[in-house]
Amino acid sequence: MSRGRHIAVFRWLALLSLIPAGCILLYFLRDELRLQRLAEHDTFVRSLVSDHPVLAFAGSYLAYSLATGASIPAAAGMTVAAGWMFGFWPALVLCS
């Protein structure tokens, strides 16, 4: 097989390995993803943002910049999370 074919096979194997890894991750985080637990996290995060708005905004900006700069496919989720934490206009500034 040619070198290009080896790379293509490796990419497919790497992609297919993400499926069981995601299932295992969801299995171990099943208690954290319950609605009551998410509501507790919501209260904590909102109080953190209201107590330290500049620090929360700066930390979110840093995390968003690193994720998008490294081309990690989490930018869409981080954009939604920023909108939830800060509201529409501050999140628009943060994500732009």
N, C-alpha and C. Protein backbone atom coordinates (compact mmCIF):
# COMPACT_ATOMS: atom_id res chain seq x y z
N MET A 1 0.84 -1.19 0.00
CA MET A 1 0.00 0.00 0.00
C MET A 1 0.88 1.24 0.00
N SER A 2 0.37 2.27 -0.60
CA SER A 2 1.13 3.51 -0.66
C SER A 2 1.02 4.27 0.66
N ARG A 3 1.87 5.24 0.81
CA ARG A 3 1.90 6.04 2.04
C ARG A 3 0.58 6.79 2.25
N GLY A 4 0.01 7.31 1.17
CA GLY A 4 -1.26 8.02 1.26
C GLY A 4 -2.39 7.12 1.74
N ARG A 5 -2.35 5.87 1.30
CA ARG A 5 -3.38 4.90 1.72
C ARG A 5 -3.23 4.57 3.20
N HIS A 6 -2.00 4.47 3.69
CA HIS A 6 -1.76 4.22 5.10
C HIS A 6 -2.31 5.37 5.94
N ILE A 7 -2.09 6.58 5.50
CA ILE A 7 -2.57 7.75 6.23
C ILE A 7 -4.09 7.77 6.26
N ALA A 8 -4.73 7.44 5.14
CA ALA A 8 -6.19 7.42 5.09
C ALA A 8 -6.76 6.37 6.03
N VAL A 9 -6.14 5.18 6.06
CA VAL A 9 -6.60 4.12 6.96
C VAL A 9 -6.42 4.55 8.41
N PHE A 10 -5.29 5.16 8.72
CA PHE A 10 -5.04 5.63 10.08
C PHE A 10 -6.07 6.68 10.49
N ARG A 11 -6.41 7.58 9.60
CA ARG A 11 -7.41 8.61 9.93
C ARG A 11 -8.77 7.98 10.21
N TRP A 12 -9.17 7.01 9.42
CA TRP A 12 -10.45 6.35 9.66
C TRP A 12 -10.44 5.59 10.98
N LEU A 13 -9.34 4.93 11.29
CA LEU A 13 -9.26 4.22 12.57
C LEU A 13 -9.30 5.19 13.74
N ALA A 14 -8.62 6.32 13.61
CA ALA A 14 -8.66 7.32 14.67
C ALA A 14 -10.06 7.87 14.85
N LEU A 15 -10.75 8.12 13.75
CA LEU A 15 -12.13 8.62 13.83
C LEU A 15 -13.05 7.59 14.45
N LEU A 16 -12.91 6.34 14.06
CA LEU A 16 -13.76 5.29 14.61
C LEU A 16 -13.47 5.02 16.08
N SER A 17 -12.26 5.31 16.54
CA SER A 17 -11.95 5.11 17.96
C SER A 17 -12.62 6.16 18.83
N LEU A 18 -13.05 7.26 18.24
CA LEU A 18 -13.73 8.29 19.02
C LEU A 18 -15.13 7.85 19.46
N ILE A 19 -15.75 6.97 18.71
CA ILE A 19 -17.10 6.53 19.05
C ILE A 19 -17.12 5.75 20.36
N PRO A 20 -16.31 4.71 20.53
CA PRO A 20 -16.33 4.03 21.84
C PRO A 20 -15.82 4.92 22.97
N ALA A 21 -14.87 5.80 22.66
CA ALA A 21 -14.37 6.71 23.70
C ALA A 21 -15.48 7.64 24.17
N GLY A 22 -16.29 8.14 23.24
CA GLY A 22 -17.42 8.99 23.61
C GLY A 22 -18.46 8.23 24.41
N CYS A 23 -18.72 6.99 24.04
CA CYS A 23 -19.69 6.18 24.79
C CYS A 23 -19.20 5.91 26.20
N ILE A 24 -17.93 5.60 26.35
CA ILE A 24 -17.36 5.37 27.69
C ILE A 24 -17.43 6.64 28.52
N LEU A 25 -17.11 7.77 27.92
CA LEU A 25 -17.18 9.05 28.63
C LEU A 25 -18.60 9.35 29.07
N LEU A 26 -19.58 9.15 28.22
CA LEU A 26 -20.97 9.37 28.59
C LEU A 26 -21.41 8.42 29.69
N TYR A 27 -20.93 7.19 29.67
CA TYR A 27 -21.27 6.23 30.71
C TYR A 27 -20.78 6.70 32.07
N PHE A 28 -19.53 7.17 32.13
CA PHE A 28 -18.99 7.59 33.41
C PHE A 28 -19.51 8.94 33.87
N LEU A 29 -20.01 9.76 32.95
CA LEU A 29 -20.55 11.07 33.32
C LEU A 29 -22.07 11.08 33.41
N ARG A 30 -22.70 9.92 33.42
CA ARG A 30 -24.16 9.86 33.39
C ARG A 30 -24.79 10.54 34.60
N ASP A 31 -24.16 10.48 35.77
CA ASP A 31 -24.71 11.15 36.95
C ASP A 31 -24.56 12.66 36.84
N GLU A 32 -23.49 13.12 36.21
CA GLU A 32 -23.27 14.56 36.06
C GLU A 32 -24.20 15.17 35.02
N LEU A 33 -24.75 14.38 34.15
CA LEU A 33 -25.60 14.91 33.08
C LEU A 33 -27.09 14.83 33.40
N ARG A 34 -27.43 14.47 34.61
CA ARG A 34 -28.84 14.48 35.01
C ARG A 34 -29.31 15.91 35.19
N LEU A 35 -30.60 16.12 35.00
CA LEU A 35 -31.15 17.47 35.00
C LEU A 35 -30.95 18.18 36.33
N GLN A 36 -31.11 17.48 37.44
CA GLN A 36 -30.92 18.10 38.75
C GLN A 36 -29.47 18.53 38.95
N ARG A 37 -28.55 17.70 38.53
CA ARG A 37 -27.12 18.03 38.67
C ARG A 37 -26.74 19.20 37.76
N LEU A 38 -27.30 19.24 36.56
CA LEU A 38 -27.04 20.36 35.67
C LEU A 38 -27.61 21.66 36.24
N ALA A 39 -28.75 21.58 36.92
CA ALA A 39 -29.33 22.77 37.56
C ALA A 39 -28.43 23.26 38.69
N GLU A 40 -27.80 22.36 39.41
CA GLU A 40 -26.85 22.76 40.46
C GLU A 40 -25.64 23.45 39.84
N HIS A 41 -25.15 22.92 38.74
CA HIS A 41 -24.03 23.56 38.05
C HIS A 41 -24.42 24.93 37.51
N ASP A 42 -25.65 25.05 37.03
CA ASP A 42 -26.15 26.33 36.53
C ASP A 42 -26.11 27.38 37.62
N THR A 43 -26.58 27.05 38.80
CA THR A 43 -26.57 27.99 39.91
C THR A 43 -25.16 28.39 40.29
N PHE A 44 -24.25 27.42 40.33
CA PHE A 44 -22.86 27.71 40.68
C PHE A 44 -22.20 28.62 39.65
N VAL A 45 -22.38 28.30 38.37
CA VAL A 45 -21.73 29.09 37.32
C VAL A 45 -22.30 30.50 37.28
N ARG A 46 -23.60 30.64 37.40
CA ARG A 46 -24.21 31.98 37.38
C ARG A 46 -23.75 32.82 38.58
N SER A 47 -23.60 32.22 39.74
CA SER A 47 -23.10 32.97 40.90
C SER A 47 -21.63 33.34 40.71
N LEU A 48 -20.86 32.47 40.11
CA LEU A 48 -19.46 32.76 39.83
C LEU A 48 -19.33 33.93 38.85
N VAL A 49 -20.14 33.93 37.81
CA VAL A 49 -20.11 35.00 36.81
C VAL A 49 -20.57 36.32 37.42
N SER A 50 -21.58 36.27 38.28
CA SER A 50 -22.06 37.52 38.89
C SER A 50 -21.09 38.04 39.95
N ASP A 51 -20.36 37.17 40.62
CA ASP A 51 -19.39 37.61 41.64
C ASP A 51 -18.09 38.12 41.02
N HIS A 52 -17.65 37.51 39.93
CA HIS A 52 -16.38 37.86 39.28
C HIS A 52 -16.58 37.98 37.77
N PRO A 53 -17.28 39.01 37.30
CA PRO A 53 -17.60 39.07 35.88
C PRO A 53 -16.38 39.26 34.98
N VAL A 54 -15.43 40.08 35.39
CA VAL A 54 -14.26 40.33 34.55
C VAL A 54 -13.39 39.08 34.46
N LEU A 55 -13.18 38.42 35.58
CA LEU A 55 -12.38 37.19 35.59
C LEU A 55 -13.05 36.08 34.78
N ALA A 56 -14.36 35.95 34.92
CA ALA A 56 -15.10 34.93 34.16
C ALA A 56 -15.03 35.21 32.67
N PHE A 57 -15.18 36.49 32.29
CA PHE A 57 -15.12 36.86 30.88
C PHE A 57 -13.72 36.62 30.33
N ALA A 58 -12.69 37.00 31.09
CA ALA A 58 -11.31 36.82 30.64
C ALA A 58 -10.96 35.33 30.52
N GLY A 59 -11.40 34.52 31.47
CA GLY A 59 -11.15 33.08 31.41
C GLY A 59 -11.86 32.44 30.24
N SER A 60 -13.09 32.87 29.99
CA SER A 60 -13.84 32.34 28.85
C SER A 60 -13.19 32.76 27.54
N TYR A 61 -12.72 33.99 27.48
CA TYR A 61 -12.04 34.47 26.27
C TYR A 61 -10.77 33.66 26.01
N LEU A 62 -10.01 33.41 27.06
CA LEU A 62 -8.78 32.64 26.91
C LEU A 62 -9.08 31.21 26.44
N ALA A 63 -10.06 30.56 27.07
CA ALA A 63 -10.41 29.19 26.69
C ALA A 63 -10.94 29.14 25.26
N TYR A 64 -11.78 30.11 24.89
CA TYR A 64 -12.34 30.14 23.54
C TYR A 64 -11.25 30.38 22.50
N SER A 65 -10.33 31.29 22.81
CA SER A 65 -9.24 31.59 21.88
C SER A 65 -8.32 30.39 21.69
N LEU A 66 -8.01 29.70 22.78
CA LEU A 66 -7.16 28.50 22.67
C LEU A 66 -7.85 27.39 21.89
N ALA A 67 -9.14 27.20 22.14
CA ALA A 67 -9.87 26.13 21.45
C ALA A 67 -9.99 26.41 19.96
N THR A 68 -10.30 27.64 19.60
CA THR A 68 -10.43 27.95 18.18
C THR A 68 -9.07 28.02 17.51
N GLY A 69 -8.06 28.49 18.22
CA GLY A 69 -6.72 28.55 17.66
C GLY A 69 -6.14 27.18 17.40
N ALA A 70 -6.47 26.23 18.25
CA ALA A 70 -5.99 24.86 18.09
C ALA A 70 -6.91 24.03 17.19
N SER A 71 -7.94 24.66 16.66
CA SER A 71 -8.92 24.00 15.79
C SER A 71 -9.60 22.82 16.46
N ILE A 72 -9.87 22.96 17.74
CA ILE A 72 -10.62 21.94 18.47
C ILE A 72 -12.09 22.14 18.14
N PRO A 73 -12.79 21.10 17.74
CA PRO A 73 -14.18 21.28 17.31
C PRO A 73 -15.16 21.47 18.48
N ALA A 74 -14.85 22.38 19.35
CA ALA A 74 -15.73 22.67 20.48
C ALA A 74 -16.24 24.09 20.43
N ALA A 75 -15.91 24.81 19.39
CA ALA A 75 -16.26 26.23 19.32
C ALA A 75 -17.76 26.46 19.32
N ALA A 76 -18.53 25.62 18.67
CA ALA A 76 -19.98 25.80 18.64
C ALA A 76 -20.57 25.65 20.04
N GLY A 77 -20.14 24.64 20.75
CA GLY A 77 -20.62 24.46 22.12
C GLY A 77 -20.16 25.57 23.05
N MET A 78 -18.94 26.03 22.84
CA MET A 78 -18.43 27.12 23.67
C MET A 78 -19.15 28.42 23.36
N THR A 79 -19.57 28.62 22.13
CA THR A 79 -20.33 29.80 21.76
C THR A 79 -21.68 29.79 22.45
N VAL A 80 -22.35 28.66 22.45
CA VAL A 80 -23.64 28.53 23.12
C VAL A 80 -23.47 28.73 24.63
N ALA A 81 -22.41 28.16 25.20
CA ALA A 81 -22.15 28.32 26.64
C ALA A 81 -21.87 29.78 27.00
N ALA A 82 -21.15 30.49 26.14
CA ALA A 82 -20.88 31.91 26.40
C ALA A 82 -22.17 32.70 26.36
N GLY A 83 -23.04 32.41 25.41
CA GLY A 83 -24.34 33.08 25.36
C GLY A 83 -25.17 32.80 26.58
N TRP A 84 -25.11 31.59 27.09
CA TRP A 84 -25.86 31.23 28.29
C TRP A 84 -25.29 31.93 29.52
N MET A 85 -23.96 32.03 29.61
CA MET A 85 -23.33 32.62 30.79
C MET A 85 -23.42 34.14 30.82
N PHE A 86 -23.18 34.78 29.68
CA PHE A 86 -23.02 36.23 29.67
C PHE A 86 -24.17 36.98 29.01
N GLY A 87 -25.00 36.32 28.26
CA GLY A 87 -26.04 37.00 27.50
C GLY A 87 -25.57 37.21 26.06
N PHE A 88 -26.49 37.69 25.23
CA PHE A 88 -26.21 37.75 23.80
C PHE A 88 -25.08 38.70 23.44
N TRP A 89 -25.17 39.97 23.85
CA TRP A 89 -24.19 40.97 23.40
C TRP A 89 -22.79 40.72 23.93
N PRO A 90 -22.61 40.45 25.23
CA PRO A 90 -21.25 40.13 25.69
C PRO A 90 -20.67 38.88 25.02
N ALA A 91 -21.53 37.88 24.79
CA ALA A 91 -21.06 36.65 24.13
C ALA A 91 -20.69 36.93 22.67
N LEU A 92 -21.41 37.83 22.02
CA LEU A 92 -21.08 38.19 20.66
C LEU A 92 -19.71 38.84 20.59
N VAL A 93 -19.40 39.70 21.55
CA VAL A 93 -18.08 40.33 21.61
C VAL A 93 -17.02 39.27 21.91
N LEU A 94 -17.31 38.39 22.85
CA LEU A 94 -16.34 37.36 23.24
C LEU A 94 -16.01 36.44 22.07
N CYS A 95 -17.01 36.01 21.34
CA CYS A 95 -16.81 35.02 20.29
C CYS A 95 -16.37 35.64 18.96
N SER A 96 -16.44 36.94 18.87
CA SER A 96 -16.00 37.58 17.63
C SER A 96 -14.54 37.93 17.74
